[in-house]
Amino acid sequence: MLKRVLETALFTLCMLVSTNCFADCNCEDWVRRGGYCVDYVKSKIPIFPIPKDVTAIKSLKNKETKDVEKGDVAIFDLGTYWHVAYVEKVHVDQRGNATAVDVSEMNFGGQLTFEDFKHKWGVTSASEWERATCCGVTRTYDRTTIRENIELSSIQQIWSTESFAFQNFKSSTGLSTL
């Protein structure tokens, strides 16, 4: 059931955010393989909510970027699609203010070349490679990578499990903030 929800959410997310992602492509097999960024974040934080549209993506912001902590989710607006990554470390200045982060992630990086595709997947069909790139598969699809010292200014928003849990507690108890 969860896998089907992820498939639907990822498809919807790309359709709403990008004009290229999934355009005339059948990406169900790529979604089922589970190598996208959201699959990785869900493996680290099972309660990470899957957005169903652009409004839901923007509503994931539940913490100011300057308040980022280890274990939060960094959300990037890359122009043609959104990307999520798990915050592994926060770099701070002498005053203790966050300046940059290190993240772990999947499916972030350069476009998958035909040679990479043939080598990794053992498929020699150019049309299958084109479909994979149409589906947003990158060189690091299904491979965890680390990026270090990412400037906070490049992060669109932050999602935090602590803020999420507090918001759900307020909703379930009828509490509100003043």
C-alpha atoms as a PDB file:
ATOM      1  CA  MET A   1       0.000   0.000   0.000  1.00  0.00           C
ATOM      2  CA  LEU A   2       2.772   2.450   0.966  1.00  0.00           C
ATOM      3  CA  LYS A   3       4.617   1.674  -2.271  1.00  0.00           C
ATOM      4  CA  ARG A   4       1.492   2.517  -4.307  1.00  0.00           C
ATOM      5  CA  VAL A   5       1.084   5.807  -2.404  1.00  0.00           C
ATOM      6  CA  LEU A   6       4.739   6.636  -3.145  1.00  0.00           C
ATOM      7  CA  GLU A   7       4.274   5.804  -6.821  1.00  0.00           C
ATOM      8  CA  THR A   8       1.213   8.008  -7.100  1.00  0.00           C
ATOM      9  CA  ALA A   9       2.799  10.864  -5.146  1.00  0.00           C
ATOM     10  CA  LEU A  10       6.032  10.827  -7.137  1.00  0.00           C
ATOM     11  CA  PHE A  11       4.149  10.754 -10.421  1.00  0.00           C
ATOM     12  CA  THR A  12       1.894  13.608  -9.278  1.00  0.00           C
ATOM     13  CA  LEU A  13       4.842  15.598  -7.923  1.00  0.00           C
ATOM     14  CA  CYS A  14       6.748  15.447 -11.197  1.00  0.00           C
ATOM     15  CA  MET A  15       3.671  16.091 -13.326  1.00  0.00           C
ATOM     16  CA  LEU A  16       2.799  19.215 -11.366  1.00  0.00           C
ATOM     17  CA  VAL A  17       6.282  20.604 -10.952  1.00  0.00           C
ATOM     18  CA  SER A  18       7.922  19.832 -14.265  1.00  0.00           C
ATOM     19  CA  THR A  19       6.803  19.988 -17.841  1.00  0.00           C
ATOM     20  CA  ASN A  20       9.507  17.477 -18.857  1.00  0.00           C
ATOM     21  CA  CYS A  21       9.272  14.838 -16.133  1.00  0.00           C
ATOM     22  CA  PHE A  22       7.013  11.971 -17.197  1.00  0.00           C
ATOM     23  CA  ALA A  23       5.972  13.832 -20.353  1.00  0.00           C
ATOM     24  CA  ASP A  24       4.696  11.036 -22.589  1.00  0.00           C
ATOM     25  CA  CYS A  25       6.642   8.542 -20.463  1.00  0.00           C
ATOM     26  CA  ASN A  26       5.612   5.497 -18.512  1.00  0.00           C
ATOM     27  CA  CYS A  27       7.685   5.637 -15.338  1.00  0.00           C
ATOM     28  CA  GLU A  28       5.950   3.047 -13.176  1.00  0.00           C
ATOM     29  CA  ASP A  29       8.927   0.666 -13.303  1.00  0.00           C
ATOM     30  CA  TRP A  30      11.336   3.407 -12.209  1.00  0.00           C
ATOM     31  CA  VAL A  31       9.023   4.437  -9.373  1.00  0.00           C
ATOM     32  CA  ARG A  32       8.702   0.810  -8.232  1.00  0.00           C
ATOM     33  CA  ARG A  33      12.495   0.422  -8.078  1.00  0.00           C
ATOM     34  CA  GLY A  34      12.619   3.065  -5.361  1.00  0.00           C
ATOM     35  CA  GLY A  35      15.729   5.020  -6.311  1.00  0.00           C
ATOM     36  CA  TYR A  36      14.360   8.554  -6.210  1.00  0.00           C
ATOM     37  CA  CYS A  37      15.248  11.183  -3.585  1.00  0.00           C
ATOM     38  CA  VAL A  38      11.904  10.843  -1.821  1.00  0.00           C
ATOM     39  CA  ASP A  39      12.434   7.070  -1.512  1.00  0.00           C
ATOM     40  CA  TYR A  40      15.704   7.732   0.310  1.00  0.00           C
ATOM     41  CA  VAL A  41      14.208  10.324   2.656  1.00  0.00           C
ATOM     42  CA  LYS A  42      11.292   7.971   3.431  1.00  0.00           C
ATOM     43  CA  SER A  43      13.824   5.244   4.313  1.00  0.00           C
ATOM     44  CA  LYS A  44      15.450   7.625   6.822  1.00  0.00           C
ATOM     45  CA  ILE A  45      12.215   9.241   8.064  1.00  0.00           C
ATOM     46  CA  PRO A  46       9.165   7.018   7.464  1.00  0.00           C
ATOM     47  CA  ILE A  47       6.759   9.776   8.581  1.00  0.00           C
ATOM     48  CA  PHE A  48       7.964  12.204   5.889  1.00  0.00           C
ATOM     49  CA  PRO A  49       4.727  13.301   4.187  1.00  0.00           C
ATOM     50  CA  ILE A  50       4.501  12.774   0.437  1.00  0.00           C
ATOM     51  CA  PRO A  51       3.195  15.950  -1.223  1.00  0.00           C
ATOM     52  CA  LYS A  52       0.432  15.552  -3.778  1.00  0.00           C
ATOM     53  CA  ASP A  53       0.795  18.948  -5.484  1.00  0.00           C
ATOM     54  CA  VAL A  54       2.882  22.123  -5.520  1.00  0.00           C
ATOM     55  CA  THR A  55       0.846  23.663  -2.675  1.00  0.00           C
ATOM     56  CA  ALA A  56       1.556  20.586  -0.552  1.00  0.00           C
ATOM     57  CA  ILE A  57       5.265  20.849  -1.385  1.00  0.00           C
ATOM     58  CA  LYS A  58       5.344  24.451  -0.218  1.00  0.00           C
ATOM     59  CA  SER A  59       3.402  23.535   2.922  1.00  0.00           C
ATOM     60  CA  LEU A  60       6.188  21.137   3.913  1.00  0.00           C
ATOM     61  CA  LYS A  61       8.117  24.165   5.166  1.00  0.00           C
ATOM     62  CA  ASN A  62       7.712  23.914   8.926  1.00  0.00           C
ATOM     63  CA  LYS A  63      11.001  25.441  10.028  1.00  0.00           C
ATOM     64  CA  GLU A  64      13.105  28.404   8.977  1.00  0.00           C
ATOM     65  CA  THR A  65      16.199  27.464   6.993  1.00  0.00           C
ATOM     66  CA  LYS A  66      18.434  29.291   9.500  1.00  0.00           C
ATOM     67  CA  ASP A  67      17.156  26.902  12.208  1.00  0.00           C
ATOM     68  CA  VAL A  68      18.120  23.709  10.345  1.00  0.00           C
ATOM     69  CA  GLU A  69      19.307  20.757  12.443  1.00  0.00           C
ATOM     70  CA  LYS A  70      20.781  17.337  11.820  1.00  0.00           C
ATOM     71  CA  GLY A  71      17.936  14.968  10.876  1.00  0.00           C
ATOM     72  CA  ASP A  72      15.853  17.610   9.062  1.00  0.00           C
ATOM     73  CA  VAL A  73      14.936  17.399   5.384  1.00  0.00           C
ATOM     74  CA  ALA A  74      16.373  20.034   3.041  1.00  0.00           C
ATOM     75  CA  ILE A  75      14.056  20.812   0.135  1.00  0.00           C
ATOM     76  CA  PHE A  76      15.516  22.281  -3.048  1.00  0.00           C
ATOM     77  CA  ASP A  77      13.616  23.926  -5.905  1.00  0.00           C
ATOM     78  CA  LEU A  78      15.780  23.021  -8.884  1.00  0.00           C
ATOM     79  CA  GLY A  79      13.625  24.829 -11.434  1.00  0.00           C
ATOM     80  CA  THR A  80      12.343  21.817 -13.327  1.00  0.00           C
ATOM     81  CA  TYR A  81      11.698  19.684 -10.265  1.00  0.00           C
ATOM     82  CA  TRP A  82      11.946  19.622  -6.471  1.00  0.00           C
ATOM     83  CA  HIS A  83      14.565  17.580  -4.629  1.00  0.00           C
ATOM     84  CA  VAL A  84      14.718  16.408  -1.018  1.00  0.00           C
ATOM     85  CA  ALA A  85      17.797  15.389   0.984  1.00  0.00           C
ATOM     86  CA  TYR A  86      18.515  14.290   4.557  1.00  0.00           C
ATOM     87  CA  VAL A  87      20.573  16.725   6.652  1.00  0.00           C
ATOM     88  CA  GLU A  88      23.571  14.869   8.100  1.00  0.00           C
ATOM     89  CA  LYS A  89      25.510  17.804   9.569  1.00  0.00           C
ATOM     90  CA  VAL A  90      25.050  21.534  10.144  1.00  0.00           C
ATOM     91  CA  HIS A  91      28.050  23.869   9.836  1.00  0.00           C
ATOM     92  CA  VAL A  92      27.961  26.935  12.093  1.00  0.00           C
ATOM     93  CA  ASP A  93      29.934  30.156  12.391  1.00  0.00           C
ATOM     94  CA  GLN A  94      31.646  31.466  15.558  1.00  0.00           C
ATOM     95  CA  ARG A  95      28.309  32.740  16.891  1.00  0.00           C
ATOM     96  CA  GLY A  96      26.610  29.364  16.421  1.00  0.00           C
ATOM     97  CA  ASN A  97      24.560  30.423  13.397  1.00  0.00           C
ATOM     98  CA  ALA A  98      23.988  27.795  10.722  1.00  0.00           C
ATOM     99  CA  THR A  99      25.899  28.604   7.533  1.00  0.00           C
ATOM    100  CA  ALA A 100      25.852  25.375   5.514  1.00  0.00           C
ATOM    101  CA  VAL A 101      24.826  21.712   5.668  1.00  0.00           C
ATOM    102  CA  ASP A 102      26.038  18.291   4.574  1.00  0.00           C
ATOM    103  CA  VAL A 103      23.308  16.073   3.152  1.00  0.00           C
ATOM    104  CA  SER A 104      22.834  12.467   2.097  1.00  0.00           C
ATOM    105  CA  GLU A 105      20.539  11.821  -0.840  1.00  0.00           C
ATOM    106  CA  MET A 106      19.649   9.752  -3.868  1.00  0.00           C
ATOM    107  CA  ASN A 107      19.105  10.728  -7.493  1.00  0.00           C
ATOM    108  CA  PHE A 108      20.856  14.083  -7.440  1.00  0.00           C
ATOM    109  CA  GLY A 109      23.456  14.859 -10.014  1.00  0.00           C
ATOM    110  CA  GLY A 110      24.236  14.965 -13.654  1.00  0.00           C
ATOM    111  CA  GLN A 111      22.044  13.602 -16.382  1.00  0.00           C
ATOM    112  CA  LEU A 112      22.309   9.894 -17.033  1.00  0.00           C
ATOM    113  CA  THR A 113      24.367   9.392 -20.212  1.00  0.00           C
ATOM    114  CA  PHE A 114      23.609   6.587 -22.624  1.00  0.00           C
ATOM    115  CA  GLU A 115      26.944   4.947 -21.728  1.00  0.00           C
ATOM    116  CA  ASP A 116      26.145   5.145 -17.986  1.00  0.00           C
ATOM    117  CA  PHE A 117      22.698   3.701 -18.644  1.00  0.00           C
ATOM    118  CA  LYS A 118      24.029   0.760 -20.673  1.00  0.00           C
ATOM    119  CA  HIS A 119      26.703   0.005 -18.081  1.00  0.00           C
ATOM    120  CA  LYS A 120      24.485   0.269 -15.008  1.00  0.00           C
ATOM    121  CA  TRP A 121      21.271  -1.288 -16.280  1.00  0.00           C
ATOM    122  CA  GLY A 122      22.571  -3.599 -19.023  1.00  0.00           C
ATOM    123  CA  VAL A 123      20.054  -2.209 -21.504  1.00  0.00           C
ATOM    124  CA  THR A 124      21.221  -1.080 -24.939  1.00  0.00           C
ATOM    125  CA  SER A 125      17.992   0.479 -26.162  1.00  0.00           C
ATOM    126  CA  ALA A 126      18.272   4.210 -26.825  1.00  0.00           C
ATOM    127  CA  SER A 127      14.510   4.594 -26.396  1.00  0.00           C
ATOM    128  CA  GLU A 128      14.686   3.034 -22.907  1.00  0.00           C
ATOM    129  CA  TRP A 129      17.507   5.421 -21.999  1.00  0.00           C
ATOM    130  CA  GLU A 130      15.444   8.372 -23.262  1.00  0.00           C
ATOM    131  CA  ARG A 131      12.484   7.173 -21.180  1.00  0.00           C
ATOM    132  CA  ALA A 132      14.711   6.893 -18.091  1.00  0.00           C
ATOM    133  CA  THR A 133      15.952  10.469 -18.535  1.00  0.00           C
ATOM    134  CA  CYS A 134      12.374  11.600 -19.155  1.00  0.00           C
ATOM    135  CA  CYS A 135      11.467   9.961 -15.822  1.00  0.00           C
ATOM    136  CA  GLY A 136      14.099  12.010 -14.026  1.00  0.00           C
ATOM    137  CA  VAL A 137      16.606   9.203 -13.506  1.00  0.00           C
ATOM    138  CA  THR A 138      20.091  10.629 -12.888  1.00  0.00           C
ATOM    139  CA  ARG A 139      23.515   9.021 -12.550  1.00  0.00           C
ATOM    140  CA  THR A 140      22.890   8.633  -8.815  1.00  0.00           C
ATOM    141  CA  TYR A 141      19.448   7.034  -9.065  1.00  0.00           C
ATOM    142  CA  ASP A 142      19.223   4.313  -6.341  1.00  0.00           C
ATOM    143  CA  ARG A 143      22.671   5.288  -5.030  1.00  0.00           C
ATOM    144  CA  THR A 144      23.212   7.208  -1.808  1.00  0.00           C
ATOM    145  CA  THR A 145      25.591  10.132  -2.150  1.00  0.00           C
ATOM    146  CA  ILE A 146      26.858  12.868   0.168  1.00  0.00           C
ATOM    147  CA  ARG A 147      27.131  16.564  -0.651  1.00  0.00           C
ATOM    148  CA  GLU A 148      29.041  18.786   1.754  1.00  0.00           C
ATOM    149  CA  ASN A 149      29.008  22.466   2.675  1.00  0.00           C
ATOM    150  CA  ILE A 150      25.808  23.354   0.851  1.00  0.00           C
ATOM    151  CA  GLU A 151      25.061  27.040   1.382  1.00  0.00           C
ATOM    152  CA  LEU A 152      21.777  27.633   3.199  1.00  0.00           C
ATOM    153  CA  SER A 153      20.766  30.103   0.488  1.00  0.00           C
ATOM    154  CA  SER A 154      20.468  27.215  -2.001  1.00  0.00           C
ATOM    155  CA  ILE A 155      17.866  25.456   0.169  1.00  0.00           C
ATOM    156  CA  GLN A 156      14.294  26.458  -0.598  1.00  0.00           C
ATOM    157  CA  GLN A 157      12.801  25.204   2.662  1.00  0.00           C
ATOM    158  CA  ILE A 158      13.251  22.853   5.621  1.00  0.00           C
ATOM    159  CA  TRP A 159      10.960  20.116   6.917  1.00  0.00           C
ATOM    160  CA  SER A 160      11.545  18.936  10.481  1.00  0.00           C
ATOM    161  CA  THR A 161      10.215  15.850  12.247  1.00  0.00           C
ATOM    162  CA  GLU A 162      10.103  17.780  15.523  1.00  0.00           C
ATOM    163  CA  SER A 163       7.986  20.589  14.055  1.00  0.00           C
ATOM    164  CA  PHE A 164       5.806  18.018  12.264  1.00  0.00           C
ATOM    165  CA  ALA A 165       5.199  16.089  15.498  1.00  0.00           C
ATOM    166  CA  PHE A 166       4.353  19.317  17.357  1.00  0.00           C
ATOM    167  CA  GLN A 167       1.938  20.431  14.608  1.00  0.00           C
ATOM    168  CA  ASN A 168       0.202  17.031  14.705  1.00  0.00           C
ATOM    169  CA  PHE A 169       0.014  17.180  18.514  1.00  0.00           C
ATOM    170  CA  LYS A 170      -1.586  20.653  18.347  1.00  0.00           C
ATOM    171  CA  SER A 171      -4.085  19.427  15.750  1.00  0.00           C
ATOM    172  CA  SER A 172      -5.033  16.313  17.710  1.00  0.00           C
ATOM    173  CA  THR A 173      -5.416  18.197  21.009  1.00  0.00           C
ATOM    174  CA  GLY A 174      -7.067  21.318  19.624  1.00  0.00           C
ATOM    175  CA  LEU A 175      -4.197  23.521  20.783  1.00  0.00           C
ATOM    176  CA  SER A 176      -3.266  26.581  18.831  1.00  0.00           C
ATOM    177  CA  THR A 177      -0.335  28.934  18.883  1.00  0.00           C
ATOM    178  CA  LEU A 178      -0.819  32.499  20.084  1.00  0.00           C
END
